[in-house]
């Protein structure tokens, strides 16, 4: 589990080091069916696209991965 989180953290750091382009939420049109981006500290919704519609989880591995990430966040056990 520790190796997974170290790999994930390394991937995120590499991803964040890539050059980026600023896109305003008003100009953003994602190809996804629905999406939501929430500011973590205030809970302010930054972007929303059909976020109220209930959707099925893509698969068991997606559900398990999401559960494990939320569990690690809740326990503050990232490494």
PDB file of N, CA and C in Angstrom:
ATOM      1  N   UNK A   1       0.831  -1.186   0.000  1.00  0.00           N
ATOM      2  CA  UNK A   1       0.000   0.000   0.000  1.00  0.00           C
ATOM      3  C   UNK A   1       0.879   1.254   0.000  1.00  0.00           C
ATOM      4  N   UNK A   2       1.962   1.195   0.776  1.00  0.00           N
ATOM      5  CA  UNK A   2       2.869   2.330   0.864  1.00  0.00           C
ATOM      6  C   UNK A   2       3.516   2.597  -0.495  1.00  0.00           C
ATOM      7  N   UNK A   3       3.857   1.524  -1.195  1.00  0.00           N
ATOM      8  CA  UNK A   3       4.474   1.650  -2.514  1.00  0.00           C
ATOM      9  C   UNK A   3       3.503   2.292  -3.503  1.00  0.00           C
ATOM     10  N   UNK A   4       2.222   1.941  -3.403  1.00  0.00           N
ATOM     11  CA  UNK A   4       1.205   2.518  -4.273  1.00  0.00           C
ATOM     12  C   UNK A   4       1.106   4.023  -4.071  1.00  0.00           C
ATOM     13  N   UNK A   5       1.043   4.465  -2.824  1.00  0.00           N
ATOM     14  CA  UNK A   5       0.909   5.883  -2.543  1.00  0.00           C
ATOM     15  C   UNK A   5       2.164   6.656  -2.931  1.00  0.00           C
ATOM     16  N   UNK A   6       3.340   6.062  -2.774  1.00  0.00           N
ATOM     17  CA  UNK A   6       4.567   6.715  -3.215  1.00  0.00           C
ATOM     18  C   UNK A   6       4.580   6.848  -4.732  1.00  0.00           C
ATOM     19  N   UNK A   7       4.130   5.824  -5.431  1.00  0.00           N
ATOM     20  CA  UNK A   7       4.047   5.885  -6.888  1.00  0.00           C
ATOM     21  C   UNK A   7       3.030   6.935  -7.329  1.00  0.00           C
ATOM     22  N   UNK A   8       1.896   6.975  -6.656  1.00  0.00           N
ATOM     23  CA  UNK A   8       0.858   7.948  -6.976  1.00  0.00           C
ATOM     24  C   UNK A   8       1.359   9.369  -6.723  1.00  0.00           C
ATOM     25  N   UNK A   9       2.031   9.585  -5.596  1.00  0.00           N
ATOM     26  CA  UNK A   9       2.571  10.895  -5.270  1.00  0.00           C
ATOM     27  C   UNK A   9       3.626  11.322  -6.285  1.00  0.00           C
ATOM     28  N   UNK A  10       4.486  10.412  -6.678  1.00  0.00           N
ATOM     29  CA  UNK A  10       5.498  10.703  -7.691  1.00  0.00           C
ATOM     30  C   UNK A  10       4.841  11.085  -9.012  1.00  0.00           C
ATOM     31  N   UNK A  11       3.820  10.347  -9.406  1.00  0.00           N
ATOM     32  CA  UNK A  11       3.092  10.651 -10.629  1.00  0.00           C
ATOM     33  C   UNK A  11       2.469  12.042 -10.565  1.00  0.00           C
ATOM     34  N   UNK A  12       1.851  12.379  -9.446  1.00  0.00           N
ATOM     35  CA  UNK A  12       1.215  13.679  -9.290  1.00  0.00           C
ATOM     36  C   UNK A  12       2.242  14.805  -9.339  1.00  0.00           C
ATOM     37  N   UNK A  13       3.401  14.604  -8.714  1.00  0.00           N
ATOM     38  CA  UNK A  13       4.447  15.625  -8.744  1.00  0.00           C
ATOM     39  C   UNK A  13       4.961  15.835 -10.165  1.00  0.00           C
ATOM     40  N   UNK A  14       5.142  14.754 -10.905  1.00  0.00           N
ATOM     41  CA  UNK A  14       5.564  14.879 -12.293  1.00  0.00           C
ATOM     42  C   UNK A  14       4.494  15.569 -13.135  1.00  0.00           C
ATOM     43  N   UNK A  15       3.256  15.237 -12.878  1.00  0.00           N
ATOM     44  CA  UNK A  15       2.159  15.843 -13.605  1.00  0.00           C
ATOM     45  C   UNK A  15       2.079  17.341 -13.323  1.00  0.00           C
ATOM     46  N   UNK A  16       2.303  17.722 -12.084  1.00  0.00           N
ATOM     47  CA  UNK A  16       2.231  19.133 -11.709  1.00  0.00           C
ATOM     48  C   UNK A  16       3.405  19.938 -12.258  1.00  0.00           C
ATOM     49  N   UNK A  17       4.480  19.282 -12.605  1.00  0.00           N
ATOM     50  CA  UNK A  17       5.641  20.003 -13.115  1.00  0.00           C
ATOM     51  C   UNK A  17       5.523  20.319 -14.606  1.00  0.00           C
ATOM     52  N   UNK A  18       4.517  19.758 -15.277  1.00  0.00           N
ATOM     53  CA  UNK A  18       4.310  20.042 -16.700  1.00  0.00           C
ATOM     54  C   UNK A  18       3.778  21.462 -16.878  1.00  0.00           C
ATOM     55  N   UNK A  19       4.103  22.107 -17.987  1.00  0.00           N
ATOM     56  CA  UNK A  19       3.556  23.444 -18.231  1.00  0.00           C
ATOM     57  C   UNK A  19       2.038  23.371 -18.346  1.00  0.00           C
ATOM     58  N   UNK A  20       1.385  24.408 -17.937  1.00  0.00           N
ATOM     59  CA  UNK A  20      -0.071  24.400 -17.946  1.00  0.00           C
ATOM     60  C   UNK A  20      -0.607  25.662 -18.594  1.00  0.00           C
ATOM     61  N   UNK A  21      -1.871  25.613 -18.947  1.00  0.00           N
ATOM     62  CA  UNK A  21      -2.557  26.738 -19.545  1.00  0.00           C
ATOM     63  C   UNK A  21      -3.743  27.074 -18.650  1.00  0.00           C
ATOM     64  N   UNK A  22      -3.913  28.336 -18.350  1.00  0.00           N
ATOM     65  CA  UNK A  22      -5.030  28.768 -17.505  1.00  0.00           C
ATOM     66  C   UNK A  22      -6.308  28.746 -18.336  1.00  0.00           C
ATOM     67  N   UNK A  23      -7.327  28.075 -17.793  1.00  0.00           N
ATOM     68  CA  UNK A  23      -8.622  28.001 -18.458  1.00  0.00           C
ATOM     69  C   UNK A  23      -9.673  28.447 -17.459  1.00  0.00           C
ATOM     70  N   UNK A  24     -10.468  29.407 -17.836  1.00  0.00           N
ATOM     71  CA  UNK A  24     -11.541  29.870 -16.970  1.00  0.00           C
ATOM     72  C   UNK A  24     -12.709  28.891 -17.026  1.00  0.00           C
ATOM     73  N   UNK A  25     -13.418  28.768 -15.929  1.00  0.00           N
ATOM     74  CA  UNK A  25     -14.537  27.821 -15.857  1.00  0.00           C
ATOM     75  C   UNK A  25     -15.622  28.157 -16.870  1.00  0.00           C
ATOM     76  N   UNK A  26     -15.781  29.434 -17.189  1.00  0.00           N
ATOM     77  CA  UNK A  26     -16.800  29.817 -18.169  1.00  0.00           C
ATOM     78  C   UNK A  26     -16.450  29.317 -19.566  1.00  0.00           C
ATOM     79  N   UNK A  27     -15.143  29.174 -19.843  1.00  0.00           N
ATOM     80  CA  UNK A  27     -14.689  28.738 -21.161  1.00  0.00           C
ATOM     81  C   UNK A  27     -14.519  27.231 -21.259  1.00  0.00           C
ATOM     82  N   UNK A  28     -14.635  26.542 -20.154  1.00  0.00           N
ATOM     83  CA  UNK A  28     -14.351  25.112 -20.099  1.00  0.00           C
ATOM     84  C   UNK A  28     -15.555  24.299 -20.560  1.00  0.00           C
ATOM     85  N   UNK A  29     -15.322  23.369 -21.465  1.00  0.00           N
ATOM     86  CA  UNK A  29     -16.367  22.441 -21.889  1.00  0.00           C
ATOM     87  C   UNK A  29     -15.735  21.057 -21.968  1.00  0.00           C
ATOM     88  N   UNK A  30     -15.885  20.284 -20.915  1.00  0.00           N
ATOM     89  CA  UNK A  30     -15.289  18.953 -20.844  1.00  0.00           C
ATOM     90  C   UNK A  30     -16.086  17.960 -21.670  1.00  0.00           C
ATOM     91  N   UNK A  31     -15.401  16.971 -22.254  1.00  0.00           N
ATOM     92  CA  UNK A  31     -16.114  15.953 -23.026  1.00  0.00           C
ATOM     93  C   UNK A  31     -16.831  14.928 -22.134  1.00  0.00           C
ATOM     94  N   UNK A  32     -16.695  15.060 -20.826  1.00  0.00           N
ATOM     95  CA  UNK A  32     -17.334  14.125 -19.898  1.00  0.00           C
ATOM     96  C   UNK A  32     -18.846  14.365 -19.849  1.00  0.00           C
ATOM     97  N   UNK A  33     -19.587  13.328 -19.454  1.00  0.00           N
ATOM     98  CA  UNK A  33     -21.039  13.466 -19.335  1.00  0.00           C
ATOM     99  C   UNK A  33     -21.409  14.364 -18.160  1.00  0.00           C
ATOM    100  N   UNK A  34     -20.643  14.266 -17.071  1.00  0.00           N
ATOM    101  CA  UNK A  34     -20.876  15.129 -15.923  1.00  0.00           C
ATOM    102  C   UNK A  34     -19.555  15.335 -15.189  1.00  0.00           C
ATOM    103  N   UNK A  35     -19.465  16.466 -14.481  1.00  0.00           N
ATOM    104  CA  UNK A  35     -18.236  16.782 -13.758  1.00  0.00           C
ATOM    105  C   UNK A  35     -18.542  17.822 -12.692  1.00  0.00           C
ATOM    106  N   UNK A  36     -17.690  17.856 -11.679  1.00  0.00           N
ATOM    107  CA  UNK A  36     -17.789  18.885 -10.650  1.00  0.00           C
ATOM    108  C   UNK A  36     -16.401  19.110 -10.066  1.00  0.00           C
ATOM    109  N   UNK A  37     -16.067  20.364  -9.836  1.00  0.00           N
ATOM    110  CA  UNK A  37     -14.806  20.732  -9.195  1.00  0.00           C
ATOM    111  C   UNK A  37     -15.158  21.634  -8.018  1.00  0.00           C
ATOM    112  N   UNK A  38     -14.725  21.221  -6.827  1.00  0.00           N
ATOM    113  CA  UNK A  38     -15.061  21.941  -5.604  1.00  0.00           C
ATOM    114  C   UNK A  38     -13.779  22.393  -4.922  1.00  0.00           C
ATOM    115  N   UNK A  39     -13.741  23.637  -4.462  1.00  0.00           N
ATOM    116  CA  UNK A  39     -12.591  24.154  -3.726  1.00  0.00           C
ATOM    117  C   UNK A  39     -12.608  23.507  -2.344  1.00  0.00           C
ATOM    118  N   UNK A  40     -11.512  22.861  -1.962  1.00  0.00           N
ATOM    119  CA  UNK A  40     -11.480  22.004  -0.772  1.00  0.00           C
ATOM    120  C   UNK A  40     -11.698  22.770   0.527  1.00  0.00           C
ATOM    121  N   UNK A  41     -11.138  23.954   0.662  1.00  0.00           N
ATOM    122  CA  UNK A  41     -11.229  24.676   1.938  1.00  0.00           C
ATOM    123  C   UNK A  41     -12.594  25.312   2.163  1.00  0.00           C
ATOM    124  N   UNK A  42     -13.164  25.895   1.129  1.00  0.00           N
ATOM    125  CA  UNK A  42     -14.420  26.629   1.299  1.00  0.00           C
ATOM    126  C   UNK A  42     -15.652  25.845   0.859  1.00  0.00           C
ATOM    127  N   UNK A  43     -15.461  24.821   0.014  1.00  0.00           N
ATOM    128  CA  UNK A  43     -16.595  24.072  -0.504  1.00  0.00           C
ATOM    129  C   UNK A  43     -17.276  24.768  -1.668  1.00  0.00           C
ATOM    130  N   UNK A  44     -16.683  25.848  -2.163  1.00  0.00           N
ATOM    131  CA  UNK A  44     -17.248  26.592  -3.290  1.00  0.00           C
ATOM    132  C   UNK A  44     -17.136  25.755  -4.562  1.00  0.00           C
ATOM    133  N   UNK A  45     -18.215  25.683  -5.319  1.00  0.00           N
ATOM    134  CA  UNK A  45     -18.222  24.941  -6.580  1.00  0.00           C
ATOM    135  C   UNK A  45     -17.572  25.816  -7.643  1.00  0.00           C
ATOM    136  N   UNK A  46     -16.470  25.316  -8.200  1.00  0.00           N
ATOM    137  CA  UNK A  46     -15.725  26.055  -9.210  1.00  0.00           C
ATOM    138  C   UNK A  46     -16.221  25.748 -10.615  1.00  0.00           C
ATOM    139  N   UNK A  47     -16.620  24.504 -10.843  1.00  0.00           N
ATOM    140  CA  UNK A  47     -17.120  24.084 -12.153  1.00  0.00           C
ATOM    141  C   UNK A  47     -18.152  22.990 -11.940  1.00  0.00           C
ATOM    142  N   UNK A  48     -19.189  23.041 -12.741  1.00  0.00           N
ATOM    143  CA  UNK A  48     -20.252  22.047 -12.612  1.00  0.00           C
ATOM    144  C   UNK A  48     -20.853  21.777 -13.991  1.00  0.00           C
ATOM    145  N   UNK A  49     -20.997  20.511 -14.299  1.00  0.00           N
ATOM    146  CA  UNK A  49     -21.633  20.107 -15.554  1.00  0.00           C
ATOM    147  C   UNK A  49     -22.485  18.876 -15.269  1.00  0.00           C
ATOM    148  N   UNK A  50     -23.781  19.060 -15.233  1.00  0.00           N
ATOM    149  CA  UNK A  50     -24.729  17.963 -15.024  1.00  0.00           C
ATOM    150  C   UNK A  50     -24.357  17.138 -13.792  1.00  0.00           C
ATOM    151  N   UNK A  51     -23.995  17.832 -12.705  1.00  0.00           N
ATOM    152  CA  UNK A  51     -23.500  17.142 -11.510  1.00  0.00           C
ATOM    153  C   UNK A  51     -24.597  16.531 -10.640  1.00  0.00           C
ATOM    154  N   UNK A  52     -25.824  16.922 -10.848  1.00  0.00           N
ATOM    155  CA  UNK A  52     -26.922  16.411 -10.026  1.00  0.00           C
ATOM    156  C   UNK A  52     -27.420  15.038 -10.483  1.00  0.00           C
ATOM    157  N   UNK A  53     -27.100  14.665 -11.712  1.00  0.00           N
ATOM    158  CA  UNK A  53     -27.591  13.404 -12.253  1.00  0.00           C
ATOM    159  C   UNK A  53     -26.804  12.232 -11.655  1.00  0.00           C
ATOM    160  N   UNK A  54     -27.517  11.229 -11.159  1.00  0.00           N
ATOM    161  CA  UNK A  54     -26.869  10.048 -10.591  1.00  0.00           C
ATOM    162  C   UNK A  54     -26.362   9.151 -11.714  1.00  0.00           C
ATOM    163  N   UNK A  55     -25.130   8.670 -11.520  1.00  0.00           N
ATOM    164  CA  UNK A  55     -24.512   7.805 -12.519  1.00  0.00           C
ATOM    165  C   UNK A  55     -23.984   6.549 -11.837  1.00  0.00           C
ATOM    166  N   UNK A  56     -23.887   5.476 -12.598  1.00  0.00           N
ATOM    167  CA  UNK A  56     -23.328   4.230 -12.078  1.00  0.00           C
ATOM    168  C   UNK A  56     -21.808   4.325 -12.025  1.00  0.00           C
ATOM    169  N   UNK A  57     -21.235   3.581 -11.107  1.00  0.00           N
ATOM    170  CA  UNK A  57     -19.783   3.491 -11.022  1.00  0.00           C
ATOM    171  C   UNK A  57     -19.292   2.678 -12.216  1.00  0.00           C
ATOM    172  N   UNK A  58     -18.130   3.063 -12.756  1.00  0.00           N
ATOM    173  CA  UNK A  58     -17.601   2.413 -13.956  1.00  0.00           C
ATOM    174  C   UNK A  58     -17.325   0.935 -13.773  1.00  0.00           C
ATOM    175  N   UNK A  59     -16.858   0.528 -12.616  1.00  0.00           N
ATOM    176  CA  UNK A  59     -16.547  -0.872 -12.398  1.00  0.00           C
ATOM    177  C   UNK A  59     -16.095  -1.093 -10.963  1.00  0.00           C
ATOM    178  N   UNK A  60     -15.905  -2.328 -10.613  1.00  0.00           N
ATOM    179  CA  UNK A  60     -15.531  -2.676  -9.251  1.00  0.00           C
ATOM    180  C   UNK A  60     -14.158  -2.117  -8.881  1.00  0.00           C
ATOM    181  N   UNK A  61     -13.210  -2.155  -9.805  1.00  0.00           N
ATOM    182  CA  UNK A  61     -11.871  -1.637  -9.493  1.00  0.00           C
ATOM    183  C   UNK A  61     -11.916  -0.125  -9.264  1.00  0.00           C
ATOM    184  N   UNK A  62     -12.748   0.580 -10.017  1.00  0.00           N
ATOM    185  CA  UNK A  62     -12.910   2.021  -9.812  1.00  0.00           C
ATOM    186  C   UNK A  62     -13.515   2.295  -8.443  1.00  0.00           C
ATOM    187  N   UNK A  63     -14.513   1.540  -8.086  1.00  0.00           N
ATOM    188  CA  UNK A  63     -15.158   1.701  -6.789  1.00  0.00           C
ATOM    189  C   UNK A  63     -14.182   1.414  -5.656  1.00  0.00           C
ATOM    190  N   UNK A  64     -13.422   0.350  -5.759  1.00  0.00           N
ATOM    191  CA  UNK A  64     -12.457  -0.013  -4.720  1.00  0.00           C
ATOM    192  C   UNK A  64     -11.355   1.036  -4.602  1.00  0.00           C
ATOM    193  N   UNK A  65     -10.840   1.513  -5.712  1.00  0.00           N
ATOM    194  CA  UNK A  65      -9.803   2.540  -5.692  1.00  0.00           C
ATOM    195  C   UNK A  65     -10.323   3.811  -5.031  1.00  0.00           C
ATOM    196  N   UNK A  66     -11.522   4.218  -5.397  1.00  0.00           N
ATOM    197  CA  UNK A  66     -12.123   5.412  -4.797  1.00  0.00           C
ATOM    198  C   UNK A  66     -12.298   5.228  -3.297  1.00  0.00           C
ATOM    199  N   UNK A  67     -12.764   4.073  -2.887  1.00  0.00           N
ATOM    200  CA  UNK A  67     -12.948   3.797  -1.463  1.00  0.00           C
ATOM    201  C   UNK A  67     -11.621   3.871  -0.706  1.00  0.00           C
ATOM    202  N   UNK A  68     -10.580   3.267  -1.256  1.00  0.00           N
ATOM    203  CA  UNK A  68      -9.280   3.265  -0.583  1.00  0.00           C
ATOM    204  C   UNK A  68      -8.681   4.663  -0.490  1.00  0.00           C
ATOM    205  N   UNK A  69      -8.860   5.463  -1.516  1.00  0.00           N
ATOM    206  CA  UNK A  69      -8.351   6.840  -1.477  1.00  0.00           C
ATOM    207  C   UNK A  69      -9.094   7.653  -0.424  1.00  0.00           C
ATOM    208  N   UNK A  70     -10.425   7.551  -0.380  1.00  0.00           N
ATOM    209  CA  UNK A  70     -11.178   8.291   0.617  1.00  0.00           C
ATOM    210  C   UNK A  70     -10.870   7.799   2.040  1.00  0.00           C
ATOM    211  N   UNK A  71     -10.644   6.518   2.188  1.00  0.00           N
ATOM    212  CA  UNK A  71     -10.276   5.977   3.498  1.00  0.00           C
ATOM    213  C   UNK A  71      -8.915   6.524   3.940  1.00  0.00           C
ATOM    214  N   UNK A  72      -7.950   6.581   3.036  1.00  0.00           N
ATOM    215  CA  UNK A  72      -6.625   7.120   3.360  1.00  0.00           C
ATOM    216  C   UNK A  72      -6.707   8.606   3.697  1.00  0.00           C
ATOM    217  N   UNK A  73      -7.544   9.343   2.977  1.00  0.00           N
ATOM    218  CA  UNK A  73      -7.723  10.763   3.273  1.00  0.00           C
ATOM    219  C   UNK A  73      -8.348  10.933   4.653  1.00  0.00           C
ATOM    220  N   UNK A  74      -9.353  10.125   4.949  1.00  0.00           N
ATOM    221  CA  UNK A  74     -10.032  10.217   6.245  1.00  0.00           C
ATOM    222  C   UNK A  74      -9.084   9.899   7.397  1.00  0.00           C
ATOM    223  N   UNK A  75      -8.222   8.907   7.220  1.00  0.00           N
ATOM    224  CA  UNK A  75      -7.287   8.522   8.270  1.00  0.00           C
ATOM    225  C   UNK A  75      -5.991   9.328   8.240  1.00  0.00           C
ATOM    226  N   UNK A  76      -5.864  10.229   7.244  1.00  0.00           N
ATOM    227  CA  UNK A  76      -4.650  11.031   7.064  1.00  0.00           C
ATOM    228  C   UNK A  76      -3.420  10.133   6.983  1.00  0.00           C
ATOM    229  N   UNK A  77      -3.555   9.051   6.224  1.00  0.00           N
ATOM    230  CA  UNK A  77      -2.520   8.046   6.068  1.00  0.00           C
ATOM    231  C   UNK A  77      -2.109   7.969   4.599  1.00  0.00           C
ATOM    232  N   UNK A  78      -1.361   8.973   4.126  1.00  0.00           N
ATOM    233  CA  UNK A  78      -1.010   9.035   2.719  1.00  0.00           C
ATOM    234  C   UNK A  78       0.246   8.273   2.382  1.00  0.00           C
ATOM    235  N   UNK A  79       1.139   8.118   3.324  1.00  0.00           N
ATOM    236  CA  UNK A  79       2.404   7.412   3.041  1.00  0.00           C
ATOM    237  C   UNK A  79       2.562   6.201   3.894  1.00  0.00           C
TER     238      UNK A  79
END
